[in-house]
Amino acid sequence: MSTTGKETPEQRWAPAYRAHCPTCRESGREFSSYGNAEEAARGHAGKHTHTTYVVDQYGIRIIGSFQRPGELQV
């Protein structure tokens, strides 16, 4: 923290998202945007017919990020 009590830009952590597959028990590469991680989760779900989701940098599942095989995106 700075002397004014506010965070400085260099102290903030950039958000990080990963596609995670509980069936494979693996997470994909790290993305700085949620949309890219969601697309990776969708790709894995389609390719391997596994249900996947997106997790944040702390390993916490993002609500509403489930990707199921065969689901169409609107």
PDB file of N, CA and C in Angstrom:
ATOM      1  N   MET A   1       0.838  -1.177   0.000  1.00  0.00           N
ATOM      2  CA  MET A   1       0.000   0.000   0.000  1.00  0.00           C
ATOM      3  C   MET A   1       0.884   1.242   0.000  1.00  0.00           C
ATOM      4  N   SER A   2       0.355   2.263  -0.613  1.00  0.00           N
ATOM      5  CA  SER A   2       1.084   3.524  -0.634  1.00  0.00           C
ATOM      6  C   SER A   2       0.775   4.299   0.637  1.00  0.00           C
ATOM      7  N   THR A   3       1.386   5.455   0.758  1.00  0.00           N
ATOM      8  CA  THR A   3       1.175   6.262   1.962  1.00  0.00           C
ATOM      9  C   THR A   3      -0.240   6.813   2.046  1.00  0.00           C
ATOM     10  N   THR A   4      -0.960   6.862   0.921  1.00  0.00           N
ATOM     11  CA  THR A   4      -2.340   7.354   0.943  1.00  0.00           C
ATOM     12  C   THR A   4      -3.334   6.248   1.274  1.00  0.00           C
ATOM     13  N   GLY A   5      -2.881   5.006   1.368  1.00  0.00           N
ATOM     14  CA  GLY A   5      -3.757   3.901   1.712  1.00  0.00           C
ATOM     15  C   GLY A   5      -4.437   3.247   0.526  1.00  0.00           C
ATOM     16  N   LYS A   6      -4.059   3.635  -0.687  1.00  0.00           N
ATOM     17  CA  LYS A   6      -4.656   3.049  -1.883  1.00  0.00           C
ATOM     18  C   LYS A   6      -3.643   2.148  -2.576  1.00  0.00           C
ATOM     19  N   GLU A   7      -4.176   1.179  -3.319  1.00  0.00           N
ATOM     20  CA  GLU A   7      -3.288   0.306  -4.080  1.00  0.00           C
ATOM     21  C   GLU A   7      -2.666   1.063  -5.239  1.00  0.00           C
ATOM     22  N   THR A   8      -1.439   0.744  -5.528  1.00  0.00           N
ATOM     23  CA  THR A   8      -0.806   1.282  -6.725  1.00  0.00           C
ATOM     24  C   THR A   8      -0.955   0.236  -7.828  1.00  0.00           C
ATOM     25  N   PRO A   9      -0.955   0.654  -9.083  1.00  0.00           N
ATOM     26  CA  PRO A   9      -1.177  -0.301 -10.178  1.00  0.00           C
ATOM     27  C   PRO A   9      -0.218  -1.488 -10.178  1.00  0.00           C
ATOM     28  N   GLU A  10       1.024  -1.284  -9.801  1.00  0.00           N
ATOM     29  CA  GLU A  10       1.983  -2.388  -9.826  1.00  0.00           C
ATOM     30  C   GLU A  10       1.735  -3.408  -8.719  1.00  0.00           C
ATOM     31  N   GLN A  11       0.905  -3.078  -7.717  1.00  0.00           N
ATOM     32  CA  GLN A  11       0.603  -4.018  -6.644  1.00  0.00           C
ATOM     33  C   GLN A  11      -0.618  -4.879  -6.946  1.00  0.00           C
ATOM     34  N   ARG A  12      -1.433  -4.479  -7.895  1.00  0.00           N
ATOM     35  CA  ARG A  12      -2.641  -5.236  -8.213  1.00  0.00           C
ATOM     36  C   ARG A  12      -2.294  -6.498  -8.983  1.00  0.00           C
ATOM     37  N   TRP A  13      -3.033  -7.549  -8.705  1.00  0.00           N
ATOM     38  CA  TRP A  13      -2.852  -8.792  -9.436  1.00  0.00           C
ATOM     39  C   TRP A  13      -3.788  -8.789 -10.619  1.00  0.00           C
ATOM     40  N   ALA A  14      -3.273  -9.148 -11.759  1.00  0.00           N
ATOM     41  CA  ALA A  14      -4.121  -9.249 -12.946  1.00  0.00           C
ATOM     42  C   ALA A  14      -5.008 -10.481 -12.798  1.00  0.00           C
ATOM     43  N   PRO A  15      -6.242 -10.398 -13.254  1.00  0.00           N
ATOM     44  CA  PRO A  15      -7.098 -11.581 -13.177  1.00  0.00           C
ATOM     45  C   PRO A  15      -6.552 -12.689 -14.068  1.00  0.00           C
ATOM     46  N   ALA A  16      -6.750 -13.902 -13.662  1.00  0.00           N
ATOM     47  CA  ALA A  16      -6.289 -15.052 -14.434  1.00  0.00           C
ATOM     48  C   ALA A  16      -7.382 -16.111 -14.408  1.00  0.00           C
ATOM     49  N   TYR A  17      -7.659 -16.674 -15.563  1.00  0.00           N
ATOM     50  CA  TYR A  17      -8.714 -17.676 -15.684  1.00  0.00           C
ATOM     51  C   TYR A  17      -8.165 -18.897 -16.403  1.00  0.00           C
ATOM     52  N   ARG A  18      -8.683 -20.063 -16.042  1.00  0.00           N
ATOM     53  CA  ARG A  18      -8.291 -21.320 -16.675  1.00  0.00           C
ATOM     54  C   ARG A  18      -9.531 -22.171 -16.911  1.00  0.00           C
ATOM     55  N   ALA A  19      -9.515 -22.927 -17.998  1.00  0.00           N
ATOM     56  CA  ALA A  19     -10.534 -23.953 -18.209  1.00  0.00           C
ATOM     57  C   ALA A  19     -10.135 -25.150 -17.355  1.00  0.00           C
ATOM     58  N   HIS A  20     -11.095 -25.734 -16.651  1.00  0.00           N
ATOM     59  CA  HIS A  20     -10.797 -26.879 -15.790  1.00  0.00           C
ATOM     60  C   HIS A  20     -11.720 -28.037 -16.131  1.00  0.00           C
ATOM     61  N   CYS A  21     -11.165 -29.227 -16.201  1.00  0.00           N
ATOM     62  CA  CYS A  21     -11.935 -30.439 -16.464  1.00  0.00           C
ATOM     63  C   CYS A  21     -11.817 -31.358 -15.255  1.00  0.00           C
ATOM     64  N   PRO A  22     -12.909 -31.537 -14.487  1.00  0.00           N
ATOM     65  CA  PRO A  22     -12.839 -32.422 -13.323  1.00  0.00           C
ATOM     66  C   PRO A  22     -12.651 -33.893 -13.705  1.00  0.00           C
ATOM     67  N   THR A  23     -13.051 -34.280 -14.914  1.00  0.00           N
ATOM     68  CA  THR A  23     -12.870 -35.663 -15.359  1.00  0.00           C
ATOM     69  C   THR A  23     -11.389 -35.960 -15.579  1.00  0.00           C
ATOM     70  N   CYS A  24     -10.701 -35.055 -16.261  1.00  0.00           N
ATOM     71  CA  CYS A  24      -9.260 -35.213 -16.511  1.00  0.00           C
ATOM     72  C   CYS A  24      -8.432 -34.780 -15.301  1.00  0.00           C
ATOM     73  N   ARG A  25      -9.058 -34.048 -14.391  1.00  0.00           N
ATOM     74  CA  ARG A  25      -8.394 -33.480 -13.208  1.00  0.00           C
ATOM     75  C   ARG A  25      -7.247 -32.553 -13.598  1.00  0.00           C
ATOM     76  N   GLU A  26      -7.478 -31.779 -14.641  1.00  0.00           N
ATOM     77  CA  GLU A  26      -6.459 -30.848 -15.122  1.00  0.00           C
ATOM     78  C   GLU A  26      -7.075 -29.502 -15.449  1.00  0.00           C
ATOM     79  N   SER A  27      -6.247 -28.476 -15.356  1.00  0.00           N
ATOM     80  CA  SER A  27      -6.633 -27.143 -15.798  1.00  0.00           C
ATOM     81  C   SER A  27      -5.763 -26.776 -16.989  1.00  0.00           C
ATOM     82  N   GLY A  28      -6.336 -26.002 -17.893  1.00  0.00           N
ATOM     83  CA  GLY A  28      -5.603 -25.578 -19.081  1.00  0.00           C
ATOM     84  C   GLY A  28      -4.675 -24.414 -18.780  1.00  0.00           C
ATOM     85  N   ARG A  29      -4.198 -23.799 -19.842  1.00  0.00           N
ATOM     86  CA  ARG A  29      -3.289 -22.664 -19.675  1.00  0.00           C
ATOM     87  C   ARG A  29      -4.032 -21.467 -19.109  1.00  0.00           C
ATOM     88  N   GLU A  30      -3.281 -20.525 -18.610  1.00  0.00           N
ATOM     89  CA  GLU A  30      -3.842 -19.331 -17.978  1.00  0.00           C
ATOM     90  C   GLU A  30      -4.173 -18.271 -19.027  1.00  0.00           C
ATOM     91  N   PHE A  31      -5.358 -17.669 -18.890  1.00  0.00           N
ATOM     92  CA  PHE A  31      -5.795 -16.585 -19.768  1.00  0.00           C
ATOM     93  C   PHE A  31      -6.068 -15.349 -18.928  1.00  0.00           C
ATOM     94  N   SER A  32      -5.838 -14.175 -19.498  1.00  0.00           N
ATOM     95  CA  SER A  32      -6.145 -12.940 -18.776  1.00  0.00           C
ATOM     96  C   SER A  32      -7.582 -12.507 -18.999  1.00  0.00           C
ATOM     97  N   SER A  33      -8.254 -13.101 -19.988  1.00  0.00           N
ATOM     98  CA  SER A  33      -9.663 -12.759 -20.208  1.00  0.00           C
ATOM     99  C   SER A  33     -10.538 -13.990 -19.985  1.00  0.00           C
ATOM    100  N   TYR A  34     -11.677 -13.761 -19.358  1.00  0.00           N
ATOM    101  CA  TYR A  34     -12.619 -14.837 -19.070  1.00  0.00           C
ATOM    102  C   TYR A  34     -13.116 -15.491 -20.361  1.00  0.00           C
ATOM    103  N   GLY A  35     -13.388 -14.697 -21.382  1.00  0.00           N
ATOM    104  CA  GLY A  35     -13.916 -15.217 -22.640  1.00  0.00           C
ATOM    105  C   GLY A  35     -13.007 -16.249 -23.288  1.00  0.00           C
ATOM    106  N   ASN A  36     -11.708 -16.028 -23.238  1.00  0.00           N
ATOM    107  CA  ASN A  36     -10.767 -16.988 -23.821  1.00  0.00           C
ATOM    108  C   ASN A  36     -10.755 -18.296 -23.040  1.00  0.00           C
ATOM    109  N   ALA A  37     -10.816 -18.207 -21.720  1.00  0.00           N
ATOM    110  CA  ALA A  37     -10.856 -19.419 -20.896  1.00  0.00           C
ATOM    111  C   ALA A  37     -12.158 -20.178 -21.132  1.00  0.00           C
ATOM    112  N   GLU A  38     -13.257 -19.442 -21.289  1.00  0.00           N
ATOM    113  CA  GLU A  38     -14.547 -20.074 -21.558  1.00  0.00           C
ATOM    114  C   GLU A  38     -14.522 -20.791 -22.911  1.00  0.00           C
ATOM    115  N   GLU A  39     -13.905 -20.183 -23.887  1.00  0.00           N
ATOM    116  CA  GLU A  39     -13.776 -20.802 -25.214  1.00  0.00           C
ATOM    117  C   GLU A  39     -12.932 -22.074 -25.129  1.00  0.00           C
ATOM    118  N   ALA A  40     -11.873 -22.060 -24.332  1.00  0.00           N
ATOM    119  CA  ALA A  40     -11.043 -23.252 -24.142  1.00  0.00           C
ATOM    120  C   ALA A  40     -11.842 -24.354 -23.448  1.00  0.00           C
ATOM    121  N   ALA A  41     -12.645 -23.986 -22.459  1.00  0.00           N
ATOM    122  CA  ALA A  41     -13.498 -24.962 -21.766  1.00  0.00           C
ATOM    123  C   ALA A  41     -14.504 -25.567 -22.738  1.00  0.00           C
ATOM    124  N   ARG A  42     -15.089 -24.733 -23.583  1.00  0.00           N
ATOM    125  CA  ARG A  42     -16.057 -25.195 -24.584  1.00  0.00           C
ATOM    126  C   ARG A  42     -15.387 -26.154 -25.571  1.00  0.00           C
ATOM    127  N   GLY A  43     -14.169 -25.827 -25.989  1.00  0.00           N
ATOM    128  CA  GLY A  43     -13.438 -26.689 -26.917  1.00  0.00           C
ATOM    129  C   GLY A  43     -13.133 -28.052 -26.316  1.00  0.00           C
ATOM    130  N   HIS A  44     -12.723 -28.078 -25.059  1.00  0.00           N
ATOM    131  CA  HIS A  44     -12.426 -29.346 -24.391  1.00  0.00           C
ATOM    132  C   HIS A  44     -13.703 -30.165 -24.213  1.00  0.00           C
ATOM    133  N   ALA A  45     -14.792 -29.499 -23.851  1.00  0.00           N
ATOM    134  CA  ALA A  45     -16.074 -30.196 -23.673  1.00  0.00           C
ATOM    135  C   ALA A  45     -16.521 -30.844 -24.977  1.00  0.00           C
ATOM    136  N   GLY A  46     -16.352 -30.133 -26.083  1.00  0.00           N
ATOM    137  CA  GLY A  46     -16.740 -30.676 -27.378  1.00  0.00           C
ATOM    138  C   GLY A  46     -15.832 -31.791 -27.861  1.00  0.00           C
ATOM    139  N   LYS A  47     -14.543 -31.630 -27.654  1.00  0.00           N
ATOM    140  CA  LYS A  47     -13.569 -32.602 -28.154  1.00  0.00           C
ATOM    141  C   LYS A  47     -13.583 -33.907 -27.361  1.00  0.00           C
ATOM    142  N   HIS A  48     -13.682 -33.809 -26.031  1.00  0.00           N
ATOM    143  CA  HIS A  48     -13.558 -34.993 -25.175  1.00  0.00           C
ATOM    144  C   HIS A  48     -14.876 -35.433 -24.541  1.00  0.00           C
ATOM    145  N   THR A  49     -15.960 -34.741 -24.842  1.00  0.00           N
ATOM    146  CA  THR A  49     -17.280 -34.985 -24.239  1.00  0.00           C
ATOM    147  C   THR A  49     -17.225 -35.028 -22.712  1.00  0.00           C
ATOM    148  N   HIS A  50     -16.503 -34.080 -22.139  1.00  0.00           N
ATOM    149  CA  HIS A  50     -16.444 -33.903 -20.685  1.00  0.00           C
ATOM    150  C   HIS A  50     -17.122 -32.585 -20.329  1.00  0.00           C
ATOM    151  N   THR A  51     -17.740 -32.529 -19.162  1.00  0.00           N
ATOM    152  CA  THR A  51     -18.266 -31.261 -18.658  1.00  0.00           C
ATOM    153  C   THR A  51     -17.100 -30.481 -18.069  1.00  0.00           C
ATOM    154  N   THR A  52     -16.950 -29.228 -18.458  1.00  0.00           N
ATOM    155  CA  THR A  52     -15.841 -28.390 -18.000  1.00  0.00           C
ATOM    156  C   THR A  52     -16.382 -27.086 -17.434  1.00  0.00           C
ATOM    157  N   TYR A  53     -15.514 -26.325 -16.796  1.00  0.00           N
ATOM    158  CA  TYR A  53     -15.883 -25.008 -16.294  1.00  0.00           C
ATOM    159  C   TYR A  53     -14.642 -24.145 -16.189  1.00  0.00           C
ATOM    160  N   VAL A  54     -14.837 -22.875 -15.851  1.00  0.00           N
ATOM    161  CA  VAL A  54     -13.737 -21.916 -15.734  1.00  0.00           C
ATOM    162  C   VAL A  54     -13.465 -21.656 -14.254  1.00  0.00           C
ATOM    163  N   VAL A  55     -12.176 -21.618 -13.891  1.00  0.00           N
ATOM    164  CA  VAL A  55     -11.764 -21.271 -12.529  1.00  0.00           C
ATOM    165  C   VAL A  55     -10.928 -19.996 -12.575  1.00  0.00           C
ATOM    166  N   ASP A  56     -10.920 -19.275 -11.457  1.00  0.00           N
ATOM    167  CA  ASP A  56     -10.112 -18.057 -11.384  1.00  0.00           C
ATOM    168  C   ASP A  56      -8.714 -18.371 -10.868  1.00  0.00           C
ATOM    169  N   GLN A  57      -7.923 -17.329 -10.596  1.00  0.00           N
ATOM    170  CA  GLN A  57      -6.531 -17.526 -10.191  1.00  0.00           C
ATOM    171  C   GLN A  57      -6.397 -18.218  -8.841  1.00  0.00           C
ATOM    172  N   TYR A  58      -7.496 -18.290  -8.084  1.00  0.00           N
ATOM    173  CA  TYR A  58      -7.474 -18.960  -6.782  1.00  0.00           C
ATOM    174  C   TYR A  58      -8.019 -20.380  -6.860  1.00  0.00           C
ATOM    175  N   GLY A  59      -8.400 -20.821  -8.056  1.00  0.00           N
ATOM    176  CA  GLY A  59      -8.950 -22.163  -8.226  1.00  0.00           C
ATOM    177  C   GLY A  59     -10.427 -22.261  -7.894  1.00  0.00           C
ATOM    178  N   ILE A  60     -11.105 -21.118  -7.797  1.00  0.00           N
ATOM    179  CA  ILE A  60     -12.528 -21.089  -7.469  1.00  0.00           C
ATOM    180  C   ILE A  60     -13.331 -21.082  -8.764  1.00  0.00           C
ATOM    181  N   ARG A  61     -14.329 -21.964  -8.835  1.00  0.00           N
ATOM    182  CA  ARG A  61     -15.166 -22.063 -10.036  1.00  0.00           C
ATOM    183  C   ARG A  61     -15.987 -20.796 -10.212  1.00  0.00           C
ATOM    184  N   ILE A  62     -16.040 -20.314 -11.439  1.00  0.00           N
ATOM    185  CA  ILE A  62     -16.838 -19.138 -11.778  1.00  0.00           C
ATOM    186  C   ILE A  62     -18.283 -19.593 -11.981  1.00  0.00           C
ATOM    187  N   ILE A  63     -19.199 -18.980 -11.257  1.00  0.00           N
ATOM    188  CA  ILE A  63     -20.618 -19.318 -11.362  1.00  0.00           C
ATOM    189  C   ILE A  63     -21.092 -19.124 -12.806  1.00  0.00           C
ATOM    190  N   GLY A  64     -21.830 -20.098 -13.318  1.00  0.00           N
ATOM    191  CA  GLY A  64     -22.382 -20.003 -14.669  1.00  0.00           C
ATOM    192  C   GLY A  64     -21.412 -20.342 -15.782  1.00  0.00           C
ATOM    193  N   SER A  65     -20.248 -20.890 -15.442  1.00  0.00           N
ATOM    194  CA  SER A  65     -19.241 -21.146 -16.472  1.00  0.00           C
ATOM    195  C   SER A  65     -19.234 -22.590 -16.971  1.00  0.00           C
ATOM    196  N   PHE A  66     -20.185 -23.416 -16.541  1.00  0.00           N
ATOM    197  CA  PHE A  66     -20.217 -24.810 -16.982  1.00  0.00           C
ATOM    198  C   PHE A  66     -20.391 -24.907 -18.488  1.00  0.00           C
ATOM    199  N   GLN A  67     -19.612 -25.770 -19.104  1.00  0.00           N
ATOM    200  CA  GLN A  67     -19.723 -26.080 -20.531  1.00  0.00           C
ATOM    201  C   GLN A  67     -19.977 -27.577 -20.624  1.00  0.00           C
ATOM    202  N   ARG A  68     -21.125 -27.945 -21.163  1.00  0.00           N
ATOM    203  CA  ARG A  68     -21.477 -29.357 -21.286  1.00  0.00           C
ATOM    204  C   ARG A  68     -21.377 -29.782 -22.746  1.00  0.00           C
ATOM    205  N   PRO A  69     -20.966 -31.031 -22.988  1.00  0.00           N
ATOM    206  CA  PRO A  69     -20.857 -31.511 -24.369  1.00  0.00           C
ATOM    207  C   PRO A  69     -22.202 -31.424 -25.083  1.00  0.00           C
ATOM    208  N   GLY A  70     -22.187 -30.950 -26.308  1.00  0.00           N
ATOM    209  CA  GLY A  70     -23.385 -30.900 -27.124  1.00  0.00           C
ATOM    210  C   GLY A  70     -24.300 -29.713 -26.891  1.00  0.00           C
ATOM    211  N   GLU A  71     -23.972 -28.835 -25.952  1.00  0.00           N
ATOM    212  CA  GLU A  71     -24.810 -27.655 -25.722  1.00  0.00           C
ATOM    213  C   GLU A  71     -24.515 -26.601 -26.773  1.00  0.00           C
ATOM    214  N   LEU A  72     -25.550 -25.971 -27.253  1.00  0.00           N
ATOM    215  CA  LEU A  72     -25.387 -24.888 -28.221  1.00  0.00           C
ATOM    216  C   LEU A  72     -25.270 -23.566 -27.493  1.00  0.00           C
ATOM    217  N   GLN A  73     -24.396 -22.704 -27.978  1.00  0.00           N
ATOM    218  CA  GLN A  73     -24.260 -21.358 -27.419  1.00  0.00           C
ATOM    219  C   GLN A  73     -25.216 -20.440 -28.150  1.00  0.00           C
ATOM    220  N   VAL A  74     -25.911 -19.610 -27.414  1.00  0.00           N
ATOM    221  CA  VAL A  74     -26.883 -18.694 -28.008  1.00  0.00           C
ATOM    222  C   VAL A  74     -26.225 -17.386 -28.354  1.00  0.00           C
TER     223      VAL A  74
END
